Amino acid sequence: MIDARTSFILAGLLFVALPATTWTILHRRHDRRSVATWCSGSLLYGFGFILLGLRESFDARVAFGLGTLLVFASYPLRAAALLRELGDSRPNLPRLALPWLVASTAYLAVLTLGELQARPLAVSLLANLGGAAWLAWLAWTLHRRNGSRSAAMLAWTDAMFAAALAVRLVAVASRWESARAFAGHVDLILALVSSVIASLYGNMGYIGIALESARRQELTREAELAREHERRMQTELRLQEQAAAHEDRGRLLAQREEMLAMLAHEVRQPLNNASAALQSAAEAVADEQRDRRSAADRLQRASTVLSQITTALDNTLADAVLLNDATPLARQDIDIDTLVQLALADVEPAERPRLRIERATGTRTASMHAGLIRLALRNLIANALAYAPANTPVTVRIADSDEPLALVVEVVDRGAGIPDELRPRLFTRGARGTAPGQRHGHGLGLYIVHRVMALHGGEVRLQHPAAGGLAIALVIPQSFDE
C-alpha cells in the first residue's frame, strides 16, 4: 500500500505535469502573462508537495519549511492570474503576497521553536484553507460577472478543498498532543484526495476560463467588425442618398433648363406672331379703304395665339410648381357644371361650336382641386380638338360611378385614336402625337392629366369606341381618407 509520503510525491508530480499541459494548450491562444502566472503558481504548488514527500531524504525541518513556503507562494500567483481574468491587467503582486509572507513567517517561527507537531501543522492548514477559500471566491466572482461555467467549476473544487482542510484542521485540534503531519488518518487522506481533485479540475477550469475568454474576445471582435460593417453600409447609404439627391438636383436643373427653353420657344414666337397680327389689324383699322373683316380675322388670330400661350404657360407652371409640391392636395366641393364651363371657356372661340355636353348623372358637386381638374380637362379637350378631323364634334360626358365611388368626366372624339407605338409612353413627359397642320408642343398635356389624377388618387381610362375615335375618362374618387 502506498504510504502518505509517496502519495505526496505522486501528487506533486501530477501538480507539476498539469500546469505544463495548461501552458502547452493556452500559451498561443490566451494572454501569455496570465497563463504564465497561473502555471507558475501551480508549479510551485507541485514542487512544494514533492519536497514535503521527500522529508526523509534530507533535513525534515528544511523539507517542511521550504515545501510549505512554496505551497504558500502558489496562492498569490494563482490569485493574480484570476484577477487578470477579472479585468485587473496589472495586479499588485507584492500586496497580494503580503498575507502569505506573514503566514510564512508565523509558520517558520513555530517550526523553528517547536517540535514537528500540532502548531506548525495548524498554521499550515489555516494558511492553505485561507488560500483555497480565496481562490474559490475569486473564481465565483468571475463566474457571476462573465457567466463562466469553467470558473464555477474552479470555485466549487477550491471550495471543496477548503472544506476538506477545515475537516483536517478540526481533526488536528481534537488530537492536539499526538497530531502528526503524515499520520494516516482519514482526514489526511480526504485532504490529499481533495487537493488532487482541486488541482486537476482547477487547471481544467482555468483552461476553460481562458478558452471562454478567447471566445468572448472573438465574439467582441466579430461584433466590432459587424458594427464597422454597419457603419460602412450606413456611410455608403448616405453617400448613395447624397448622390441620389445630387442627381435629383441635376435632374431638376435640367428640367428647369428644358422648361426655360420651352417657354422661350412656346412664348416668344407666338408673341411675335400675335404682335404681327395686332399690328396688321391696327393698320387695317386705320386704313378706311381696307376690309374691316380682314382686321377682325387678324384680331381673332392674335387672340388664338394668346390662348395658346396661356395654355403653354399653365401646363409649364403646373409641371414645375404645383404638381411637384409635396404638400397634401387641397380638395373642395366644386360645382361640376361651373367647372366644365370654365374649361370650355379656355377653348378657342372658333372651336367651341364643335363641343357637346352630355350629362348622365344628377350629381351637382364633387370633391376635387378645381384648378388642377380644370387644367386636366382643358388638356383633354384641346387634344381631342387638335387630333380629330376638322368640324367633327367632341363630346364632354359627365357621369358617376358606384364602384369605385367616383365622378367620371369623359372626353370623346372621332379621330384616328392613338397609334400603337405611342400607347406605352402616352402619359410620359414629351410624348407627342402627329396631326396634319397642328403645331408641335412639348408633350406635357397628357403627362399633366396623368399626374393630376394620381394626385387625386384616381385614374385615366382609355377606350376606343366601336364607332371609331377615342374616349378618355377622368375618374375622380369621392371616397378618400381625410
Protein backbone atom coordinates (compact mmCIF):
# COMPACT_ATOMS: atom_id res chain seq x y z
CA MET A 1 0.00 0.00 0.00
CA ILE A 2 1.27 3.49 -0.87
CA ASP A 3 2.19 5.47 2.23
CA ALA A 4 1.41 9.16 2.82
CA ARG A 5 4.88 10.41 1.82
CA THR A 6 4.77 8.57 -1.51
CA SER A 7 1.28 9.91 -2.09
CA PHE A 8 2.58 13.46 -1.60
CA ILE A 9 5.37 12.86 -4.12
CA LEU A 10 2.98 11.40 -6.72
CA ALA A 11 0.50 14.21 -6.14
CA GLY A 12 3.33 16.73 -6.52
CA LEU A 13 4.41 15.18 -9.83
CA LEU A 14 0.80 15.40 -11.03
CA PHE A 15 0.63 19.02 -9.91
CA VAL A 16 3.79 19.77 -11.95
CA ALA A 17 2.51 17.98 -15.05
CA LEU A 18 -0.87 19.75 -15.07
CA PRO A 19 0.44 23.35 -15.46
CA ALA A 20 2.84 22.14 -18.15
CA THR A 21 -0.17 20.82 -20.07
CA THR A 22 -2.05 24.05 -19.38
CA TRP A 23 0.83 26.11 -20.80
CA THR A 24 1.04 23.92 -23.90
CA ILE A 25 -2.66 24.39 -24.61
CA LEU A 26 -3.02 28.10 -23.83
CA HIS A 27 0.22 29.97 -24.48
CA ARG A 28 -0.75 30.66 -28.12
CA ARG A 29 -4.45 31.19 -27.50
CA HIS A 30 -4.57 33.43 -24.46
CA ASP A 31 -2.69 36.23 -22.75
CA ARG A 32 0.75 34.74 -22.08
CA ARG A 33 1.35 36.72 -18.90
CA SER A 34 -1.86 35.45 -17.34
CA VAL A 35 -1.12 31.87 -18.38
CA ALA A 36 2.48 32.10 -17.13
CA THR A 37 1.32 33.50 -13.78
CA TRP A 38 -1.20 30.69 -13.27
CA CYS A 39 1.19 27.95 -14.36
CA SER A 40 3.98 29.33 -12.14
CA GLY A 41 1.70 29.18 -9.12
CA SER A 42 0.63 25.63 -9.95
CA LEU A 43 4.27 24.55 -10.44
CA LEU A 44 5.25 25.97 -7.04
CA TYR A 45 2.35 24.07 -5.50
CA GLY A 46 3.57 20.83 -7.08
CA PHE A 47 7.20 21.35 -6.08
CA GLY A 48 6.05 22.09 -2.53
CA PHE A 49 4.23 18.76 -2.36
CA ILE A 50 7.28 16.92 -3.72
CA LEU A 51 9.50 18.47 -1.03
CA LEU A 52 7.00 17.51 1.66
CA GLY A 53 7.09 13.94 0.41
CA LEU A 54 10.92 13.89 0.40
CA ARG A 55 11.29 14.86 4.08
CA GLU A 56 13.03 11.55 4.80
CA SER A 57 15.73 12.26 2.20
CA PHE A 58 17.20 15.31 3.99
CA ASP A 59 16.59 17.53 6.98
CA ALA A 60 12.90 17.34 7.88
CA ARG A 61 12.67 20.96 9.04
CA VAL A 62 14.15 22.19 5.76
CA ALA A 63 11.81 19.95 3.75
CA PHE A 64 8.76 21.04 5.72
CA GLY A 65 9.74 24.69 5.74
CA LEU A 66 10.71 25.03 2.08
CA GLY A 67 7.84 22.83 0.83
CA THR A 68 5.24 24.74 2.83
CA LEU A 69 6.64 28.12 1.71
CA LEU A 70 6.40 27.03 -1.96
CA VAL A 71 2.78 26.00 -1.40
CA PHE A 72 2.08 29.36 0.27
CA ALA A 73 3.73 31.22 -2.63
CA SER A 74 1.47 29.48 -5.15
CA TYR A 75 -1.69 31.19 -3.89
CA PRO A 76 -0.89 34.86 -4.69
CA LEU A 77 0.34 33.84 -8.16
CA ARG A 78 -2.84 31.94 -8.99
CA ALA A 79 -4.92 34.73 -7.45
CA ALA A 80 -3.10 37.26 -9.64
CA ALA A 81 -3.97 35.18 -12.73
CA LEU A 82 -7.66 35.16 -11.76
CA LEU A 83 -7.58 38.90 -11.08
CA ARG A 84 -6.25 39.44 -14.61
CA GLU A 85 -9.22 37.45 -15.89
CA LEU A 86 -11.44 39.77 -13.85
CA GLY A 87 -10.03 42.77 -15.72
CA ASP A 88 -7.14 43.86 -13.48
CA SER A 89 -4.42 43.98 -16.14
CA ARG A 90 -1.65 44.73 -13.61
CA PRO A 91 -2.48 43.18 -10.21
CA ASN A 92 -0.26 44.32 -7.33
CA LEU A 93 1.61 41.08 -6.67
CA PRO A 94 3.59 42.35 -3.61
CA ARG A 95 0.34 43.39 -1.94
CA LEU A 96 -1.21 40.02 -2.78
CA ALA A 97 1.82 38.22 -1.35
CA LEU A 98 1.87 40.17 1.92
CA PRO A 99 -0.58 37.90 3.83
CA TRP A 100 1.44 34.89 2.75
CA LEU A 101 4.65 36.47 3.93
CA VAL A 102 3.01 36.88 7.33
CA ALA A 103 1.78 33.28 7.25
CA SER A 104 5.23 32.07 6.18
CA THR A 105 6.90 34.00 8.99
CA ALA A 106 4.48 32.55 11.54
CA TYR A 107 4.99 29.06 10.18
CA LEU A 108 8.78 29.30 10.24
CA ALA A 109 8.63 30.67 13.78
CA VAL A 110 6.58 27.81 15.21
CA LEU A 111 8.54 25.31 13.11
CA THR A 112 11.87 26.56 14.45
CA LEU A 113 10.83 26.93 18.05
CA GLY A 114 8.81 23.74 18.49
CA GLU A 115 8.68 20.13 17.53
CA LEU A 116 7.09 18.83 14.32
CA GLN A 117 3.72 18.58 15.90
CA ALA A 118 0.38 20.36 16.01
CA ARG A 119 1.38 24.05 15.95
CA PRO A 120 3.17 24.26 12.56
CA LEU A 121 0.62 21.85 11.08
CA ALA A 122 -2.26 24.05 12.28
CA VAL A 123 -0.62 27.20 10.86
CA SER A 124 -0.09 25.42 7.52
CA LEU A 125 -3.69 24.17 7.43
CA LEU A 126 -5.07 27.63 8.27
CA ALA A 127 -2.99 29.29 5.55
CA ASN A 128 -3.95 26.68 2.94
CA LEU A 129 -7.60 26.90 3.96
CA GLY A 130 -7.48 30.69 3.51
CA GLY A 131 -5.75 30.35 0.14
CA ALA A 132 -8.25 27.80 -1.17
CA ALA A 133 -11.18 29.92 0.03
CA TRP A 134 -9.63 33.00 -1.60
CA LEU A 135 -9.25 31.25 -4.96
CA ALA A 136 -12.82 29.90 -4.68
CA TRP A 137 -14.16 33.42 -4.03
CA LEU A 138 -12.25 34.92 -6.98
CA ALA A 139 -13.42 32.13 -9.30
CA TRP A 140 -17.03 32.54 -8.16
CA THR A 141 -16.81 36.31 -8.72
CA LEU A 142 -15.57 35.61 -12.24
CA HIS A 143 -18.47 33.21 -12.78
CA ARG A 144 -21.03 35.78 -11.62
CA ARG A 145 -19.50 38.52 -13.76
CA ASN A 146 -18.99 36.59 -17.01
CA GLY A 147 -21.31 33.63 -16.57
CA SER A 148 -18.30 31.31 -16.97
CA ARG A 149 -19.16 27.69 -16.16
CA SER A 150 -15.46 26.85 -16.02
CA ALA A 151 -14.99 29.49 -13.32
CA ALA A 152 -17.89 27.94 -11.41
CA MET A 153 -16.19 24.53 -11.61
CA LEU A 154 -12.94 26.05 -10.34
CA ALA A 155 -14.81 27.76 -7.49
CA TRP A 156 -16.56 24.57 -6.39
CA THR A 157 -13.40 22.43 -6.44
CA ASP A 158 -11.43 25.00 -4.42
CA ALA A 159 -14.35 25.31 -2.00
CA MET A 160 -14.37 21.52 -1.64
CA PHE A 161 -10.63 21.58 -0.94
CA ALA A 162 -11.12 24.32 1.67
CA ALA A 163 -13.84 22.22 3.33
CA ALA A 164 -11.51 19.19 3.43
CA LEU A 165 -8.79 21.34 5.01
CA ALA A 166 -11.29 22.55 7.60
CA VAL A 167 -12.11 18.93 8.46
CA ARG A 168 -8.40 18.19 8.72
CA LEU A 169 -7.91 21.23 10.98
CA VAL A 170 -10.71 20.11 13.30
CA ALA A 171 -9.21 16.62 13.44
CA VAL A 172 -5.77 18.00 14.31
CA ALA A 173 -7.29 20.14 17.06
CA SER A 174 -9.08 17.09 18.50
CA ARG A 175 -5.81 15.18 18.91
CA TRP A 176 -3.55 18.13 19.52
CA GLU A 177 -0.90 16.36 21.58
CA SER A 178 -0.50 13.43 19.20
CA ALA A 179 -1.02 15.22 15.88
CA ARG A 180 1.42 14.31 13.12
CA ALA A 181 1.73 15.68 9.58
CA PHE A 182 1.75 12.28 7.89
CA ALA A 183 -0.33 10.25 10.27
CA GLY A 184 -2.51 8.04 8.08
CA HIS A 185 -5.87 9.24 9.31
CA VAL A 186 -8.98 9.63 7.20
CA ASP A 187 -8.79 13.41 7.39
CA LEU A 188 -5.30 13.37 5.81
CA ILE A 189 -6.49 11.08 3.02
CA LEU A 190 -9.54 13.32 2.46
CA ALA A 191 -7.36 16.44 2.30
CA LEU A 192 -4.88 14.78 -0.07
CA VAL A 193 -7.59 13.46 -2.41
CA SER A 194 -9.40 16.80 -2.43
CA SER A 195 -6.12 18.60 -3.23
CA VAL A 196 -5.58 16.30 -6.23
CA ILE A 197 -9.15 16.90 -7.42
CA ALA A 198 -8.79 20.65 -6.85
CA SER A 199 -5.54 20.76 -8.82
CA LEU A 200 -6.89 18.61 -11.66
CA TYR A 201 -10.20 20.41 -12.04
CA GLY A 202 -8.59 23.73 -11.14
CA ASN A 203 -6.26 23.55 -14.14
CA MET A 204 -9.08 22.28 -16.33
CA GLY A 205 -11.23 25.13 -15.05
CA TYR A 206 -8.53 27.68 -15.82
CA ILE A 207 -8.15 26.24 -19.34
CA GLY A 208 -11.92 26.60 -19.75
CA ILE A 209 -11.82 30.17 -18.40
CA ALA A 210 -9.07 31.10 -20.86
CA LEU A 211 -10.85 29.49 -23.82
CA GLU A 212 -14.14 31.16 -22.87
CA SER A 213 -12.32 34.47 -22.59
CA ALA A 214 -10.77 33.93 -26.02
CA ARG A 215 -14.23 33.12 -27.38
CA ARG A 216 -15.68 36.27 -25.82
CA GLN A 217 -12.87 38.31 -27.34
CA GLU A 218 -13.54 36.68 -30.69
CA LEU A 219 -17.24 37.47 -30.39
CA THR A 220 -16.35 41.03 -29.39
CA ARG A 221 -14.14 41.36 -32.46
CA GLU A 222 -16.89 39.91 -34.62
CA ALA A 223 -19.36 42.38 -33.10
CA GLU A 224 -16.93 45.23 -33.72
CA LEU A 225 -16.46 44.06 -37.30
CA ALA A 226 -20.24 43.85 -37.67
CA ARG A 227 -20.61 47.38 -36.27
CA GLU A 228 -17.84 48.59 -38.56
CA HIS A 229 -19.58 46.90 -41.48
CA GLU A 230 -22.85 48.52 -40.43
CA ARG A 231 -21.13 51.91 -40.19
CA ARG A 232 -19.65 51.40 -43.64
CA MET A 233 -23.04 50.37 -45.01
CA GLN A 234 -24.62 53.44 -43.44
CA THR A 235 -21.84 55.60 -44.87
CA GLU A 236 -22.34 54.04 -48.30
CA LEU A 237 -26.09 54.53 -47.94
CA ARG A 238 -25.59 58.18 -47.03
CA LEU A 239 -23.26 58.57 -49.99
CA GLN A 240 -25.84 56.93 -52.22
CA GLU A 241 -28.53 59.21 -50.82
CA GLN A 242 -26.29 62.21 -51.38
CA ALA A 243 -25.56 61.01 -54.90
CA ALA A 244 -29.28 60.49 -55.49
CA ALA A 245 -30.01 63.95 -54.10
CA HIS A 246 -27.29 65.38 -56.31
CA GLU A 247 -28.76 63.51 -59.26
CA ASP A 248 -32.23 64.82 -58.39
CA ARG A 249 -30.87 68.35 -58.21
CA GLY A 250 -29.22 67.85 -61.56
CA ARG A 251 -32.45 66.46 -62.98
CA LEU A 252 -34.42 69.40 -61.59
CA LEU A 253 -31.90 71.83 -63.03
CA ALA A 254 -32.12 70.05 -66.37
CA GLN A 255 -35.92 70.22 -66.22
CA ARG A 256 -35.70 73.90 -65.39
CA GLU A 257 -33.44 74.49 -68.35
CA GLU A 258 -35.82 72.48 -70.51
CA MET A 259 -38.77 74.50 -69.27
CA LEU A 260 -36.97 77.75 -69.88
CA ALA A 261 -36.13 76.62 -73.39
CA MET A 262 -39.72 75.52 -73.89
CA LEU A 263 -41.04 78.83 -72.62
CA ALA A 264 -38.66 80.65 -74.93
CA HIS A 265 -39.95 78.59 -77.85
CA GLU A 266 -43.62 78.43 -76.86
CA VAL A 267 -43.96 82.05 -75.83
CA ARG A 268 -41.52 84.17 -77.83
CA GLN A 269 -42.54 83.07 -81.33
CA PRO A 270 -46.32 83.12 -80.63
CA LEU A 271 -45.94 86.56 -79.09
CA ASN A 272 -44.15 87.72 -82.22
CA ASN A 273 -46.99 86.27 -84.30
CA ALA A 274 -49.61 87.90 -82.09
CA SER A 275 -47.75 91.21 -82.27
CA ALA A 276 -47.60 91.00 -86.05
CA ALA A 277 -51.31 90.12 -86.24
CA LEU A 278 -52.26 93.01 -83.96
CA GLN A 279 -50.07 95.43 -85.93
CA SER A 280 -51.63 94.27 -89.19
CA ALA A 281 -55.12 94.62 -87.70
CA ALA A 282 -54.29 98.12 -86.48
CA GLU A 283 -53.13 99.09 -89.96
CA ALA A 284 -56.31 97.65 -91.46
CA VAL A 285 -58.47 99.58 -88.99
CA ALA A 286 -56.53 102.77 -89.69
CA ASP A 287 -56.98 102.36 -93.44
CA GLU A 288 -60.65 103.05 -94.04
CA GLN A 289 -60.39 101.70 -97.55
CA ARG A 290 -59.40 98.21 -96.42
CA ASP A 291 -61.80 95.47 -95.42
CA ARG A 292 -62.81 95.72 -91.77
CA ARG A 293 -63.50 91.97 -91.81
CA SER A 294 -59.83 91.32 -92.55
CA ALA A 295 -58.91 93.27 -89.42
CA ALA A 296 -61.32 91.18 -87.35
CA ASP A 297 -59.72 87.98 -88.69
CA ARG A 298 -56.29 89.21 -87.70
CA LEU A 299 -57.51 90.09 -84.22
CA GLN A 300 -59.04 86.62 -83.94
CA ARG A 301 -55.72 85.02 -84.90
CA ALA A 302 -53.95 87.14 -82.30
CA SER A 303 -56.48 86.02 -79.68
CA THR A 304 -55.92 82.38 -80.67
CA VAL A 305 -52.16 82.76 -80.33
CA LEU A 306 -52.53 84.38 -76.92
CA SER A 307 -54.78 81.49 -75.84
CA GLN A 308 -52.08 79.03 -76.93
CA ILE A 309 -49.53 80.96 -74.91
CA THR A 310 -51.79 80.84 -71.84
CA THR A 311 -52.22 77.08 -72.20
CA ALA A 312 -48.46 76.55 -72.56
CA LEU A 313 -47.75 78.70 -69.51
CA ASP A 314 -50.39 76.92 -67.41
CA ASN A 315 -49.01 73.47 -68.28
CA THR A 316 -45.42 74.51 -67.70
CA LEU A 317 -46.12 76.19 -64.36
CA ALA A 318 -48.26 73.25 -63.21
CA ASP A 319 -45.45 70.84 -64.05
CA ALA A 320 -42.76 72.99 -62.44
CA VAL A 321 -44.54 74.04 -59.26
CA LEU A 322 -47.95 72.66 -58.39
CA LEU A 323 -47.53 69.01 -59.45
CA ASN A 324 -44.12 68.73 -57.70
CA ASP A 325 -45.37 70.22 -54.43
CA ALA A 326 -45.13 67.73 -51.53
CA THR A 327 -47.98 69.32 -49.55
CA PRO A 328 -51.31 67.42 -49.39
CA LEU A 329 -53.82 68.20 -52.13
CA ALA A 330 -56.42 70.81 -51.10
CA ARG A 331 -59.79 69.40 -52.22
CA GLN A 332 -63.07 71.30 -52.13
CA ASP A 333 -66.66 70.67 -53.15
CA ILE A 334 -66.87 72.20 -56.63
CA ASP A 335 -69.92 72.80 -58.82
CA ILE A 336 -69.41 70.43 -61.75
CA ASP A 337 -71.24 72.49 -64.40
CA THR A 338 -69.31 75.63 -63.48
CA LEU A 339 -66.03 73.75 -63.75
CA VAL A 340 -66.92 72.38 -67.19
CA GLN A 341 -67.96 75.83 -68.42
CA LEU A 342 -64.66 77.30 -67.24
CA ALA A 343 -62.77 74.60 -69.13
CA LEU A 344 -64.85 75.28 -72.27
CA ALA A 345 -64.17 79.00 -71.94
CA ASP A 346 -60.46 78.23 -72.35
CA VAL A 347 -61.15 76.80 -75.83
CA GLU A 348 -60.59 78.98 -78.88
CA PRO A 349 -63.90 80.64 -79.84
CA ALA A 350 -63.71 79.22 -83.36
CA GLU A 351 -63.61 75.66 -81.97
CA ARG A 352 -66.38 75.98 -79.38
CA PRO A 353 -69.24 75.07 -81.77
CA ARG A 354 -67.71 71.57 -82.06
CA LEU A 355 -68.20 70.86 -78.35
CA ARG A 356 -71.13 68.86 -76.97
CA ILE A 357 -72.06 68.43 -73.29
CA GLU A 358 -73.85 65.29 -72.10
CA ARG A 359 -74.99 64.61 -68.55
CA ALA A 360 -75.60 61.07 -67.32
CA THR A 361 -75.85 61.95 -63.62
CA GLY A 362 -77.79 64.32 -61.42
CA THR A 363 -74.78 64.98 -59.19
CA ARG A 364 -74.19 68.72 -58.91
CA THR A 365 -70.97 68.95 -56.88
CA ALA A 366 -67.85 66.83 -56.37
CA SER A 367 -64.72 66.96 -54.23
CA MET A 368 -61.60 67.92 -56.18
CA HIS A 369 -58.89 70.50 -56.72
CA ALA A 370 -60.68 72.86 -59.10
CA GLY A 371 -57.59 74.36 -60.74
CA LEU A 372 -55.93 71.03 -61.49
CA ILE A 373 -59.08 69.30 -62.77
CA ARG A 374 -59.83 72.31 -64.97
CA LEU A 375 -56.28 72.11 -66.36
CA ALA A 376 -56.58 68.35 -67.00
CA LEU A 377 -59.99 68.69 -68.67
CA ARG A 378 -58.77 71.59 -70.80
CA ASN A 379 -55.81 69.50 -71.99
CA LEU A 380 -58.09 66.58 -72.94
CA ILE A 381 -60.45 68.88 -74.86
CA ALA A 382 -57.53 70.60 -76.61
CA ASN A 383 -56.07 67.24 -77.66
CA ALA A 384 -59.43 66.00 -78.93
CA LEU A 385 -59.98 69.16 -80.98
CA ALA A 386 -56.43 69.05 -82.34
CA TYR A 387 -56.25 65.40 -83.39
CA ALA A 388 -59.83 64.76 -84.53
CA PRO A 389 -60.87 65.72 -88.08
CA ALA A 390 -61.96 69.34 -88.50
CA ASN A 391 -65.65 70.09 -87.96
CA THR A 392 -66.24 66.75 -86.16
CA PRO A 393 -67.89 67.01 -82.73
CA VAL A 394 -66.11 66.48 -79.41
CA THR A 395 -68.33 65.33 -76.55
CA VAL A 396 -67.78 66.02 -72.85
CA ARG A 397 -69.80 63.43 -70.93
CA ILE A 398 -70.42 63.77 -67.16
CA ALA A 399 -71.30 60.59 -65.27
CA ASP A 400 -70.67 58.91 -61.95
CA SER A 401 -69.58 55.51 -60.70
CA ASP A 402 -70.70 53.45 -57.70
CA GLU A 403 -67.72 51.08 -57.64
CA PRO A 404 -65.50 52.86 -57.01
CA LEU A 405 -67.49 55.88 -55.81
CA ALA A 406 -66.25 58.49 -58.26
CA LEU A 407 -67.12 61.30 -60.65
CA VAL A 408 -66.35 60.37 -64.27
CA VAL A 409 -65.69 63.12 -66.84
CA GLU A 410 -65.17 61.67 -70.31
CA VAL A 411 -63.98 63.40 -73.49
CA VAL A 412 -64.92 61.57 -76.71
CA ASP A 413 -63.72 62.43 -80.21
CA ARG A 414 -63.98 60.86 -83.67
CA GLY A 415 -60.32 60.93 -84.54
CA ALA A 416 -57.97 58.15 -85.57
CA GLY A 417 -57.20 57.08 -82.00
CA ILE A 418 -53.75 56.51 -80.54
CA PRO A 419 -51.02 54.89 -82.67
CA ASP A 420 -49.80 51.56 -81.32
CA GLU A 421 -46.22 52.76 -80.98
CA LEU A 422 -47.32 55.71 -78.81
CA ARG A 423 -49.52 53.82 -76.31
CA PRO A 424 -46.77 52.51 -73.94
CA ARG A 425 -45.46 56.04 -73.35
CA LEU A 426 -48.67 58.00 -73.82
CA PHE A 427 -48.61 59.58 -70.34
CA THR A 428 -44.87 60.22 -70.12
CA ARG A 429 -43.28 63.63 -70.39
CA GLY A 430 -42.52 64.51 -74.01
CA ALA A 431 -44.94 62.05 -75.66
CA ARG A 432 -46.49 63.76 -78.71
CA GLY A 433 -48.79 62.61 -81.46
CA THR A 434 -48.91 63.86 -85.03
CA ALA A 435 -51.77 65.66 -86.71
CA PRO A 436 -51.70 67.47 -90.06
CA GLY A 437 -51.45 71.22 -89.66
CA GLN A 438 -51.02 71.09 -85.88
CA ARG A 439 -48.32 72.97 -84.03
CA HIS A 440 -45.92 70.62 -82.21
CA GLY A 441 -45.82 71.09 -78.43
CA HIS A 442 -43.55 69.65 -75.78
CA GLY A 443 -45.70 66.68 -74.80
CA LEU A 444 -46.87 67.96 -71.40
CA GLY A 445 -50.65 67.73 -71.92
CA LEU A 446 -51.43 64.07 -71.18
CA TYR A 447 -48.48 63.81 -68.79
CA ILE A 448 -50.09 66.53 -66.66
CA VAL A 449 -53.50 64.82 -66.95
CA HIS A 450 -51.98 61.61 -65.58
CA ARG A 451 -50.18 63.45 -62.75
CA VAL A 452 -53.35 65.34 -61.76
CA MET A 453 -55.31 62.10 -61.49
CA ALA A 454 -52.50 60.47 -59.49
CA LEU A 455 -52.64 63.36 -57.01
CA HIS A 456 -56.41 62.81 -56.68
CA GLY A 457 -55.94 59.06 -56.21
CA GLY A 458 -57.86 58.48 -59.43
CA GLU A 459 -57.06 57.14 -62.86
CA VAL A 460 -57.22 57.90 -66.57
CA ARG A 461 -59.17 55.37 -68.65
CA LEU A 462 -58.73 54.94 -72.40
CA GLN A 463 -61.36 53.40 -74.67
CA HIS A 464 -61.69 53.02 -78.41
CA PRO A 465 -65.43 53.05 -79.22
CA ALA A 466 -66.71 50.69 -81.89
CA ALA A 467 -67.79 53.69 -83.98
CA GLY A 468 -64.18 54.91 -84.02
CA GLY A 469 -62.34 57.71 -82.31
CA LEU A 470 -61.03 57.86 -78.76
CA ALA A 471 -62.64 58.23 -75.33
CA ILE A 472 -60.50 59.38 -72.39
CA ALA A 473 -62.17 59.44 -68.96
CA LEU A 474 -61.06 61.16 -65.76
CA VAL A 475 -62.12 59.01 -62.78
CA ILE A 476 -62.10 61.29 -59.71
CA PRO A 477 -62.64 59.32 -56.45
CA GLN A 478 -65.15 60.71 -53.96
CA SER A 479 -64.32 58.28 -51.14
CA PHE A 480 -60.89 59.05 -49.66
CA ASP A 481 -59.06 59.34 -46.34
CA GLU A 482 -59.01 62.80 -44.90
